[in-house]
All heavy atoms as atom14 arrays in JSON, in Angstrom:
{
  "sequence": "GFTFLVDSGANVDCKAKYLEQFGKMGSVYVENVFGVKNPSVALVNI",
  "atom14_mask": [
    [1, 1, 1, 1, 0, 0, 0, 0, 0, 0, 0, 0, 0, 0],
    [1, 1, 1, 1, 1, 1, 1, 1, 1, 1, 1, 0, 0, 0],
    [1, 1, 1, 1, 1, 1, 1, 0, 0, 0, 0, 0, 0, 0],
    [1, 1, 1, 1, 1, 1, 1, 1, 1, 1, 1, 0, 0, 0],
    [1, 1, 1, 1, 1, 1, 1, 1, 0, 0, 0, 0, 0, 0],
    [1, 1, 1, 1, 1, 1, 1, 0, 0, 0, 0, 0, 0, 0],
    [1, 1, 1, 1, 1, 1, 1, 1, 0, 0, 0, 0, 0, 0],
    [1, 1, 1, 1, 1, 1, 0, 0, 0, 0, 0, 0, 0, 0],
    [1, 1, 1, 1, 0, 0, 0, 0, 0, 0, 0, 0, 0, 0],
    [1, 1, 1, 1, 1, 0, 0, 0, 0, 0, 0, 0, 0, 0],
    [1, 1, 1, 1, 1, 1, 1, 1, 0, 0, 0, 0, 0, 0],
    [1, 1, 1, 1, 1, 1, 1, 0, 0, 0, 0, 0, 0, 0],
    [1, 1, 1, 1, 1, 1, 1, 1, 0, 0, 0, 0, 0, 0],
    [1, 1, 1, 1, 1, 1, 0, 0, 0, 0, 0, 0, 0, 0],
    [1, 1, 1, 1, 1, 1, 1, 1, 1, 0, 0, 0, 0, 0],
    [1, 1, 1, 1, 1, 0, 0, 0, 0, 0, 0, 0, 0, 0],
    [1, 1, 1, 1, 1, 1, 1, 1, 1, 0, 0, 0, 0, 0],
    [1, 1, 1, 1, 1, 1, 1, 1, 1, 1, 1, 1, 0, 0],
    [1, 1, 1, 1, 1, 1, 1, 1, 0, 0, 0, 0, 0, 0],
    [1, 1, 1, 1, 1, 1, 1, 1, 1, 0, 0, 0, 0, 0],
    [1, 1, 1, 1, 1, 1, 1, 1, 1, 0, 0, 0, 0, 0],
    [1, 1, 1, 1, 1, 1, 1, 1, 1, 1, 1, 0, 0, 0],
    [1, 1, 1, 1, 0, 0, 0, 0, 0, 0, 0, 0, 0, 0],
    [1, 1, 1, 1, 1, 1, 1, 1, 1, 0, 0, 0, 0, 0],
    [1, 1, 1, 1, 1, 1, 1, 1, 0, 0, 0, 0, 0, 0],
    [1, 1, 1, 1, 0, 0, 0, 0, 0, 0, 0, 0, 0, 0],
    [1, 1, 1, 1, 1, 1, 0, 0, 0, 0, 0, 0, 0, 0],
    [1, 1, 1, 1, 1, 1, 1, 0, 0, 0, 0, 0, 0, 0],
    [1, 1, 1, 1, 1, 1, 1, 1, 1, 1, 1, 1, 0, 0],
    [1, 1, 1, 1, 1, 1, 1, 0, 0, 0, 0, 0, 0, 0],
    [1, 1, 1, 1, 1, 1, 1, 1, 1, 0, 0, 0, 0, 0],
    [1, 1, 1, 1, 1, 1, 1, 1, 0, 0, 0, 0, 0, 0],
    [1, 1, 1, 1, 1, 1, 1, 0, 0, 0, 0, 0, 0, 0],
    [1, 1, 1, 1, 1, 1, 1, 1, 1, 1, 1, 0, 0, 0],
    [1, 1, 1, 1, 0, 0, 0, 0, 0, 0, 0, 0, 0, 0],
    [1, 1, 1, 1, 1, 1, 1, 0, 0, 0, 0, 0, 0, 0],
    [1, 1, 1, 1, 1, 1, 1, 1, 1, 0, 0, 0, 0, 0],
    [1, 1, 1, 1, 1, 1, 1, 1, 0, 0, 0, 0, 0, 0],
    [1, 1, 1, 1, 1, 1, 1, 0, 0, 0, 0, 0, 0, 0],
    [1, 1, 1, 1, 1, 1, 0, 0, 0, 0, 0, 0, 0, 0],
    [1, 1, 1, 1, 1, 1, 1, 0, 0, 0, 0, 0, 0, 0],
    [1, 1, 1, 1, 1, 0, 0, 0, 0, 0, 0, 0, 0, 0],
    [1, 1, 1, 1, 1, 1, 1, 1, 0, 0, 0, 0, 0, 0],
    [1, 1, 1, 1, 1, 1, 1, 0, 0, 0, 0, 0, 0, 0],
    [1, 1, 1, 1, 1, 1, 1, 1, 0, 0, 0, 0, 0, 0],
    [1, 1, 1, 1, 1, 1, 1, 1, 0, 0, 0, 0, 0, 0]
  ],
  "atom14_positions": [
    [[-13.75, -4.32, -7.62], [-12.66, -4.95, -8.35], [-11.66, -5.58, -7.39], [-11.73, -6.77, -7.09], [0.0, 0.0, 0.0], [0.0, 0.0, 0.0], [0.0, 0.0, 0.0], [0.0, 0.0, 0.0], [0.0, 0.0, 0.0], [0.0, 0.0, 0.0], [0.0, 0.0, 0.0], [0.0, 0.0, 0.0], [0.0, 0.0, 0.0], [0.0, 0.0, 0.0]],
    [[-10.72, -4.78, -6.89], [-9.76, -5.29, -5.93], [-9.14, -4.13, -5.16], [-9.22, -2.97, -5.56], [-8.65, -6.1, -6.62], [-7.64, -5.23, -7.34], [-6.51, -4.78, -6.69], [-7.85, -4.84, -8.65], [-5.6, -3.95, -7.34], [-6.95, -4.02, -9.31], [-5.82, -3.58, -8.65], [0.0, 0.0, 0.0], [0.0, 0.0, 0.0], [0.0, 0.0, 0.0]],
    [[-8.51, -4.47, -4.05], [-7.66, -3.52, -3.33], [-6.34, -4.21, -3.06], [-6.28, -5.43, -2.89], [-8.32, -3.04, -2.02], [-7.58, -1.94, -1.48], [-8.37, -4.15, -0.99], [0.0, 0.0, 0.0], [0.0, 0.0, 0.0], [0.0, 0.0, 0.0], [0.0, 0.0, 0.0], [0.0, 0.0, 0.0], [0.0, 0.0, 0.0], [0.0, 0.0, 0.0]],
    [[-5.27, -3.45, -3.06], [-3.92, -3.98, -2.89], [-3.51, -3.81, -1.43], [-3.36, -2.69, -0.95], [-2.97, -3.23, -3.82], [-1.64, -3.9, -4.02], [-1.56, -5.2, -4.5], [-0.45, -3.22, -3.78], [-0.34, -5.82, -4.72], [0.77, -3.82, -3.99], [0.84, -5.12, -4.46], [0.0, 0.0, 0.0], [0.0, 0.0, 0.0], [0.0, 0.0, 0.0]],
    [[-3.38, -4.92, -0.72], [-3.06, -4.91, 0.71], [-1.56, -4.95, 0.92], [-0.87, -5.88, 0.51], [-3.71, -6.12, 1.38], [-3.44, -6.33, 2.87], [-4.14, -5.24, 3.68], [-3.93, -7.7, 3.31], [0.0, 0.0, 0.0], [0.0, 0.0, 0.0], [0.0, 0.0, 0.0], [0.0, 0.0, 0.0], [0.0, 0.0, 0.0], [0.0, 0.0, 0.0]],
    [[-1.01, -3.92, 1.57], [0.41, -3.86, 1.9], [0.57, -3.37, 3.35], [0.04, -2.36, 3.72], [1.17, -2.89, 0.98], [1.39, -3.46, -0.39], [0.46, -1.54, 0.85], [0.0, 0.0, 0.0], [0.0, 0.0, 0.0], [0.0, 0.0, 0.0], [0.0, 0.0, 0.0], [0.0, 0.0, 0.0], [0.0, 0.0, 0.0], [0.0, 0.0, 0.0]],
    [[1.1, -4.16, 4.22], [1.87, -5.38, 4.04], [1.0, -6.58, 4.41], [0.25, -6.51, 5.37], [3.09, -5.29, 4.95], [4.04, -6.46, 4.89], [3.91, -7.32, 4.01], [4.92, -6.52, 5.75], [0.0, 0.0, 0.0], [0.0, 0.0, 0.0], [0.0, 0.0, 0.0], [0.0, 0.0, 0.0], [0.0, 0.0, 0.0], [0.0, 0.0, 0.0]],
    [[1.14, -7.66, 3.66], [0.31, -8.84, 3.94], [1.08, -9.94, 4.67], [0.62, -11.07, 4.71], [-0.28, -9.39, 2.65], [0.74, -9.74, 1.73], [0.0, 0.0, 0.0], [0.0, 0.0, 0.0], [0.0, 0.0, 0.0], [0.0, 0.0, 0.0], [0.0, 0.0, 0.0], [0.0, 0.0, 0.0], [0.0, 0.0, 0.0], [0.0, 0.0, 0.0]],
    [[2.23, -9.59, 5.25], [2.89, -10.6, 6.08], [4.4, -10.58, 6.16], [5.0, -11.4, 6.86], [0.0, 0.0, 0.0], [0.0, 0.0, 0.0], [0.0, 0.0, 0.0], [0.0, 0.0, 0.0], [0.0, 0.0, 0.0], [0.0, 0.0, 0.0], [0.0, 0.0, 0.0], [0.0, 0.0, 0.0], [0.0, 0.0, 0.0], [0.0, 0.0, 0.0]],
    [[5.07, -9.64, 5.51], [6.53, -9.65, 5.51], [7.13, -8.97, 6.74], [8.18, -9.39, 7.23], [7.06, -8.97, 4.24], [0.0, 0.0, 0.0], [0.0, 0.0, 0.0], [0.0, 0.0, 0.0], [0.0, 0.0, 0.0], [0.0, 0.0, 0.0], [0.0, 0.0, 0.0], [0.0, 0.0, 0.0], [0.0, 0.0, 0.0], [0.0, 0.0, 0.0]],
    [[6.46, -7.92, 7.24], [7.03, -7.13, 8.34], [6.04, -7.05, 9.5], [5.09, -6.27, 9.46], [7.36, -5.72, 7.84], [8.28, -5.73, 6.65], [9.48, -5.89, 6.77], [7.7, -5.56, 5.45], [0.0, 0.0, 0.0], [0.0, 0.0, 0.0], [0.0, 0.0, 0.0], [0.0, 0.0, 0.0], [0.0, 0.0, 0.0], [0.0, 0.0, 0.0]],
    [[6.29, -7.85, 10.52], [5.37, -7.89, 11.66], [5.52, -6.67, 12.54], [4.55, -6.07, 12.99], [5.59, -9.18, 12.47], [4.73, -9.17, 13.73], [5.25, -10.41, 11.62], [0.0, 0.0, 0.0], [0.0, 0.0, 0.0], [0.0, 0.0, 0.0], [0.0, 0.0, 0.0], [0.0, 0.0, 0.0], [0.0, 0.0, 0.0], [0.0, 0.0, 0.0]],
    [[6.75, -6.28, 12.81], [7.02, -5.11, 13.66], [7.42, -3.94, 12.78], [8.43, -4.0, 12.08], [8.14, -5.42, 14.66], [7.75, -6.54, 15.62], [6.66, -6.44, 16.22], [8.52, -7.5, 15.76], [0.0, 0.0, 0.0], [0.0, 0.0, 0.0], [0.0, 0.0, 0.0], [0.0, 0.0, 0.0], [0.0, 0.0, 0.0], [0.0, 0.0, 0.0]],
    [[6.64, -2.88, 12.82], [6.87, -1.76, 11.91], [6.98, -0.42, 12.64], [6.5, -0.26, 13.75], [5.72, -1.67, 10.9], [5.69, -2.99, 9.69], [0.0, 0.0, 0.0], [0.0, 0.0, 0.0], [0.0, 0.0, 0.0], [0.0, 0.0, 0.0], [0.0, 0.0, 0.0], [0.0, 0.0, 0.0], [0.0, 0.0, 0.0], [0.0, 0.0, 0.0]],
    [[7.59, 0.52, 11.94], [7.62, 1.92, 12.36], [6.72, 2.7, 11.4], [6.42, 2.24, 10.3], [9.05, 2.47, 12.3], [10.03, 1.77, 13.24], [11.42, 2.35, 13.09], [12.4, 1.64, 14.03], [13.79, 2.17, 13.88], [0.0, 0.0, 0.0], [0.0, 0.0, 0.0], [0.0, 0.0, 0.0], [0.0, 0.0, 0.0], [0.0, 0.0, 0.0]],
    [[6.33, 3.88, 11.83], [5.42, 4.69, 11.02], [6.01, 4.99, 9.64], [5.3, 4.97, 8.63], [5.09, 5.98, 11.75], [0.0, 0.0, 0.0], [0.0, 0.0, 0.0], [0.0, 0.0, 0.0], [0.0, 0.0, 0.0], [0.0, 0.0, 0.0], [0.0, 0.0, 0.0], [0.0, 0.0, 0.0], [0.0, 0.0, 0.0], [0.0, 0.0, 0.0]],
    [[7.31, 5.24, 9.57], [7.92, 5.57, 8.28], [7.9, 4.37, 7.33], [7.91, 4.55, 6.12], [9.35, 6.07, 8.48], [10.31, 5.11, 9.14], [11.69, 5.74, 9.29], [12.68, 4.79, 9.96], [14.02, 5.41, 10.07], [0.0, 0.0, 0.0], [0.0, 0.0, 0.0], [0.0, 0.0, 0.0], [0.0, 0.0, 0.0], [0.0, 0.0, 0.0]],
    [[7.88, 3.15, 7.9], [7.75, 1.97, 7.04], [6.38, 1.98, 6.35], [6.27, 1.71, 5.16], [7.88, 0.67, 7.84], [9.18, 0.46, 8.57], [9.33, -0.58, 9.48], [10.28, 1.3, 8.36], [10.51, -0.79, 10.16], [11.47, 1.1, 9.04], [11.58, 0.05, 9.95], [12.75, -0.16, 10.62], [0.0, 0.0, 0.0], [0.0, 0.0, 0.0]],
    [[5.35, 2.28, 7.15], [3.99, 2.28, 6.59], [3.84, 3.34, 5.51], [3.14, 3.13, 4.51], [2.96, 2.5, 7.69], [2.9, 1.45, 8.81], [1.7, 1.71, 9.72], [2.83, 0.04, 8.26], [0.0, 0.0, 0.0], [0.0, 0.0, 0.0], [0.0, 0.0, 0.0], [0.0, 0.0, 0.0], [0.0, 0.0, 0.0], [0.0, 0.0, 0.0]],
    [[4.5, 4.47, 5.69], [4.46, 5.51, 4.67], [5.06, 4.98, 3.36], [4.5, 5.18, 2.28], [5.23, 6.74, 5.13], [5.25, 7.86, 4.09], [6.3, 8.91, 4.37], [7.22, 8.66, 5.18], [6.23, 9.98, 3.74], [0.0, 0.0, 0.0], [0.0, 0.0, 0.0], [0.0, 0.0, 0.0], [0.0, 0.0, 0.0], [0.0, 0.0, 0.0]],
    [[6.2, 4.29, 3.47], [6.83, 3.72, 2.28], [5.98, 2.62, 1.66], [5.92, 2.49, 0.44], [8.23, 3.19, 2.61], [9.27, 4.26, 2.71], [10.69, 3.71, 2.53], [10.91, 2.5, 2.57], [11.64, 4.6, 2.34], [0.0, 0.0, 0.0], [0.0, 0.0, 0.0], [0.0, 0.0, 0.0], [0.0, 0.0, 0.0], [0.0, 0.0, 0.0]],
    [[5.32, 1.83, 2.51], [4.42, 0.79, 1.99], [3.37, 1.43, 1.08], [3.05, 0.92, 0.01], [3.72, 0.04, 3.12], [4.63, -0.76, 4.01], [4.15, -1.34, 5.17], [5.97, -0.95, 3.7], [4.96, -2.09, 6.0], [6.81, -1.7, 4.52], [6.3, -2.27, 5.68], [0.0, 0.0, 0.0], [0.0, 0.0, 0.0], [0.0, 0.0, 0.0]],
    [[2.82, 2.54, 1.56], [1.81, 3.25, 0.78], [2.35, 3.73, -0.55], [1.69, 3.62, -1.58], [0.0, 0.0, 0.0], [0.0, 0.0, 0.0], [0.0, 0.0, 0.0], [0.0, 0.0, 0.0], [0.0, 0.0, 0.0], [0.0, 0.0, 0.0], [0.0, 0.0, 0.0], [0.0, 0.0, 0.0], [0.0, 0.0, 0.0], [0.0, 0.0, 0.0]],
    [[3.57, 4.25, -0.55], [4.18, 4.77, -1.78], [4.47, 3.64, -2.76], [4.18, 3.75, -3.96], [5.46, 5.54, -1.44], [5.21, 6.86, -0.73], [6.49, 7.62, -0.46], [6.21, 8.98, 0.17], [7.45, 9.75, 0.42], [0.0, 0.0, 0.0], [0.0, 0.0, 0.0], [0.0, 0.0, 0.0], [0.0, 0.0, 0.0], [0.0, 0.0, 0.0]],
    [[5.05, 2.55, -2.25], [5.38, 1.43, -3.14], [4.12, 0.76, -3.67], [4.05, 0.38, -4.85], [6.28, 0.43, -2.41], [7.67, 0.96, -2.13], [8.84, -0.29, -1.52], [8.25, -0.54, 0.16], [0.0, 0.0, 0.0], [0.0, 0.0, 0.0], [0.0, 0.0, 0.0], [0.0, 0.0, 0.0], [0.0, 0.0, 0.0], [0.0, 0.0, 0.0]],
    [[3.12, 0.63, -2.81], [1.85, 0.05, -3.24], [1.17, 0.9, -4.29], [0.6, 0.39, -5.25], [0.0, 0.0, 0.0], [0.0, 0.0, 0.0], [0.0, 0.0, 0.0], [0.0, 0.0, 0.0], [0.0, 0.0, 0.0], [0.0, 0.0, 0.0], [0.0, 0.0, 0.0], [0.0, 0.0, 0.0], [0.0, 0.0, 0.0], [0.0, 0.0, 0.0]],
    [[1.26, 2.21, -4.12], [0.65, 3.14, -5.07], [1.31, 3.03, -6.44], [0.64, 2.99, -7.47], [0.75, 4.56, -4.54], [0.16, 5.49, -5.43], [0.0, 0.0, 0.0], [0.0, 0.0, 0.0], [0.0, 0.0, 0.0], [0.0, 0.0, 0.0], [0.0, 0.0, 0.0], [0.0, 0.0, 0.0], [0.0, 0.0, 0.0], [0.0, 0.0, 0.0]],
    [[2.64, 2.98, -6.44], [3.39, 2.83, -7.7], [3.01, 1.53, -8.4], [2.79, 1.5, -9.62], [4.91, 2.87, -7.43], [5.68, 2.42, -8.66], [5.35, 4.26, -7.02], [0.0, 0.0, 0.0], [0.0, 0.0, 0.0], [0.0, 0.0, 0.0], [0.0, 0.0, 0.0], [0.0, 0.0, 0.0], [0.0, 0.0, 0.0], [0.0, 0.0, 0.0]],
    [[2.9, 0.46, -7.63], [2.59, -0.86, -8.21], [1.2, -0.88, -8.83], [1.03, -1.31, -9.97], [2.69, -1.93, -7.12], [2.76, -3.33, -7.68], [3.98, -3.9, -8.01], [1.62, -4.09, -7.87], [4.06, -5.17, -8.53], [1.68, -5.36, -8.4], [2.91, -5.9, -8.72], [2.98, -7.16, -9.25], [0.0, 0.0, 0.0], [0.0, 0.0, 0.0]],
    [[0.22, -0.4, -8.1], [-1.16, -0.42, -8.59], [-1.34, 0.48, -9.81], [-2.03, 0.12, -10.77], [-2.13, -0.01, -7.46], [-3.53, 0.25, -8.0], [-2.18, -1.09, -6.39], [0.0, 0.0, 0.0], [0.0, 0.0, 0.0], [0.0, 0.0, 0.0], [0.0, 0.0, 0.0], [0.0, 0.0, 0.0], [0.0, 0.0, 0.0], [0.0, 0.0, 0.0]],
    [[-0.7, 1.63, -9.78], [-0.85, 2.56, -10.9], [-0.22, 2.02, -12.18], [-0.78, 2.16, -13.27], [-0.23, 3.92, -10.56], [-0.4, 4.95, -11.66], [-0.17, 6.37, -11.19], [0.23, 6.57, -10.03], [-0.42, 7.29, -12.0], [0.0, 0.0, 0.0], [0.0, 0.0, 0.0], [0.0, 0.0, 0.0], [0.0, 0.0, 0.0], [0.0, 0.0, 0.0]],
    [[0.93, 1.37, -12.07], [1.68, 0.99, -13.25], [1.45, -0.45, -13.71], [1.59, -0.75, -14.89], [3.17, 1.22, -13.01], [3.51, 2.69, -12.91], [3.64, 3.38, -13.9], [3.63, 3.18, -11.68], [0.0, 0.0, 0.0], [0.0, 0.0, 0.0], [0.0, 0.0, 0.0], [0.0, 0.0, 0.0], [0.0, 0.0, 0.0], [0.0, 0.0, 0.0]],
    [[1.12, -1.34, -12.8], [0.86, -2.73, -13.18], [-0.61, -2.94, -13.51], [-0.96, -3.62, -14.47], [1.32, -3.71, -12.08], [0.89, -5.14, -12.41], [2.84, -3.66, -11.94], [0.0, 0.0, 0.0], [0.0, 0.0, 0.0], [0.0, 0.0, 0.0], [0.0, 0.0, 0.0], [0.0, 0.0, 0.0], [0.0, 0.0, 0.0], [0.0, 0.0, 0.0]],
    [[-1.5, -2.33, -12.71], [-2.92, -2.53, -12.91], [-3.63, -1.35, -13.57], [-4.84, -1.39, -13.81], [-3.58, -2.85, -11.56], [-3.06, -4.11, -10.93], [-2.32, -4.06, -9.75], [-3.27, -5.34, -11.51], [-1.82, -5.21, -9.17], [-2.77, -6.5, -10.93], [-2.05, -6.44, -9.77], [0.0, 0.0, 0.0], [0.0, 0.0, 0.0], [0.0, 0.0, 0.0]],
    [[-2.89, -0.28, -13.85], [-3.43, 0.82, -14.63], [-4.42, 1.7, -13.91], [-5.25, 2.36, -14.55], [0.0, 0.0, 0.0], [0.0, 0.0, 0.0], [0.0, 0.0, 0.0], [0.0, 0.0, 0.0], [0.0, 0.0, 0.0], [0.0, 0.0, 0.0], [0.0, 0.0, 0.0], [0.0, 0.0, 0.0], [0.0, 0.0, 0.0], [0.0, 0.0, 0.0]],
    [[-4.37, 1.77, -12.58], [-5.27, 2.63, -11.81], [-4.6, 3.99, -11.62], [-3.58, 4.11, -10.94], [-5.59, 2.02, -10.42], [-6.51, 2.94, -9.64], [-6.21, 0.64, -10.59], [0.0, 0.0, 0.0], [0.0, 0.0, 0.0], [0.0, 0.0, 0.0], [0.0, 0.0, 0.0], [0.0, 0.0, 0.0], [0.0, 0.0, 0.0], [0.0, 0.0, 0.0]],
    [[-5.13, 5.01, -12.24], [-4.52, 6.34, -12.18], [-4.75, 6.99, -10.81], [-5.84, 6.97, -10.27], [-5.11, 7.23, -13.28], [-4.81, 6.73, -14.68], [-3.31, 6.64, -14.94], [-3.0, 6.13, -16.33], [-1.54, 5.94, -16.54], [0.0, 0.0, 0.0], [0.0, 0.0, 0.0], [0.0, 0.0, 0.0], [0.0, 0.0, 0.0], [0.0, 0.0, 0.0]],
    [[-3.67, 7.53, -10.26], [-3.72, 8.22, -8.96], [-4.49, 7.39, -7.92], [-5.51, 7.83, -7.38], [-4.37, 9.59, -9.11], [-4.14, 10.47, -7.88], [-3.17, 10.3, -7.15], [-5.06, 11.39, -7.64], [0.0, 0.0, 0.0], [0.0, 0.0, 0.0], [0.0, 0.0, 0.0], [0.0, 0.0, 0.0], [0.0, 0.0, 0.0], [0.0, 0.0, 0.0]],
    [[-4.04, 6.18, -7.63], [-4.79, 5.29, -6.73], [-4.97, 5.87, -5.33], [-4.08, 6.54, -4.8], [-3.92, 4.02, -6.68], [-2.56, 4.47, -7.08], [-2.76, 5.58, -8.06], [0.0, 0.0, 0.0], [0.0, 0.0, 0.0], [0.0, 0.0, 0.0], [0.0, 0.0, 0.0], [0.0, 0.0, 0.0], [0.0, 0.0, 0.0], [0.0, 0.0, 0.0]],
    [[-6.14, 5.62, -4.77], [-6.42, 6.07, -3.4], [-5.74, 5.14, -2.41], [-5.68, 3.93, -2.6], [-7.93, 6.1, -3.15], [-8.5, 4.82, -3.4], [0.0, 0.0, 0.0], [0.0, 0.0, 0.0], [0.0, 0.0, 0.0], [0.0, 0.0, 0.0], [0.0, 0.0, 0.0], [0.0, 0.0, 0.0], [0.0, 0.0, 0.0], [0.0, 0.0, 0.0]],
    [[-5.22, 5.72, -1.34], [-4.48, 4.98, -0.32], [-5.13, 5.21, 1.03], [-5.4, 6.36, 1.41], [-3.0, 5.42, -0.27], [-2.25, 4.65, 0.82], [-2.33, 5.24, -1.62], [0.0, 0.0, 0.0], [0.0, 0.0, 0.0], [0.0, 0.0, 0.0], [0.0, 0.0, 0.0], [0.0, 0.0, 0.0], [0.0, 0.0, 0.0], [0.0, 0.0, 0.0]],
    [[-5.4, 4.14, 1.76], [-6.02, 4.26, 3.09], [-5.22, 3.46, 4.1], [-4.53, 2.49, 3.76], [-7.47, 3.78, 3.05], [0.0, 0.0, 0.0], [0.0, 0.0, 0.0], [0.0, 0.0, 0.0], [0.0, 0.0, 0.0], [0.0, 0.0, 0.0], [0.0, 0.0, 0.0], [0.0, 0.0, 0.0], [0.0, 0.0, 0.0], [0.0, 0.0, 0.0]],
    [[-5.33, 3.86, 5.36], [-4.62, 3.22, 6.46], [-5.6, 2.39, 7.29], [-6.63, 2.9, 7.73], [-3.97, 4.29, 7.35], [-3.21, 3.82, 8.59], [-1.97, 3.03, 8.2], [-2.82, 5.04, 9.45], [0.0, 0.0, 0.0], [0.0, 0.0, 0.0], [0.0, 0.0, 0.0], [0.0, 0.0, 0.0], [0.0, 0.0, 0.0], [0.0, 0.0, 0.0]],
    [[-5.3, 1.12, 7.49], [-6.18, 0.25, 8.28], [-6.17, 0.7, 9.74], [-5.12, 0.89, 10.34], [-5.73, -1.22, 8.2], [-6.61, -2.09, 9.1], [-5.79, -1.72, 6.77], [0.0, 0.0, 0.0], [0.0, 0.0, 0.0], [0.0, 0.0, 0.0], [0.0, 0.0, 0.0], [0.0, 0.0, 0.0], [0.0, 0.0, 0.0], [0.0, 0.0, 0.0]],
    [[-7.37, 0.87, 10.29], [-7.48, 1.32, 11.67], [-8.8, 0.83, 12.26], [-9.66, 0.3, 11.54], [-7.4, 2.86, 11.74], [-6.83, 3.36, 13.05], [-6.96, 2.71, 14.09], [-6.18, 4.51, 13.01], [0.0, 0.0, 0.0], [0.0, 0.0, 0.0], [0.0, 0.0, 0.0], [0.0, 0.0, 0.0], [0.0, 0.0, 0.0], [0.0, 0.0, 0.0]],
    [[-8.96, 1.02, 13.56], [-10.17, 0.55, 14.24], [-11.32, 1.54, 14.11], [-12.42, 1.27, 14.55], [-9.9, 0.27, 15.72], [-9.34, 1.52, 16.41], [-8.93, -0.89, 15.87], [-9.2, 1.39, 17.92], [0.0, 0.0, 0.0], [0.0, 0.0, 0.0], [0.0, 0.0, 0.0], [0.0, 0.0, 0.0], [0.0, 0.0, 0.0], [0.0, 0.0, 0.0]]
  ]
}
């Protein structure tokens, strides 16, 4: 279907606590706008 990418370009330089909040805000958005219950959240890494 789709995955919700956060952040896609607003914050180039980040701290770890920013990424944690990105995950929380993205989770709220996907659950309530797209109806995905308890959405899974993953961290992009190598």
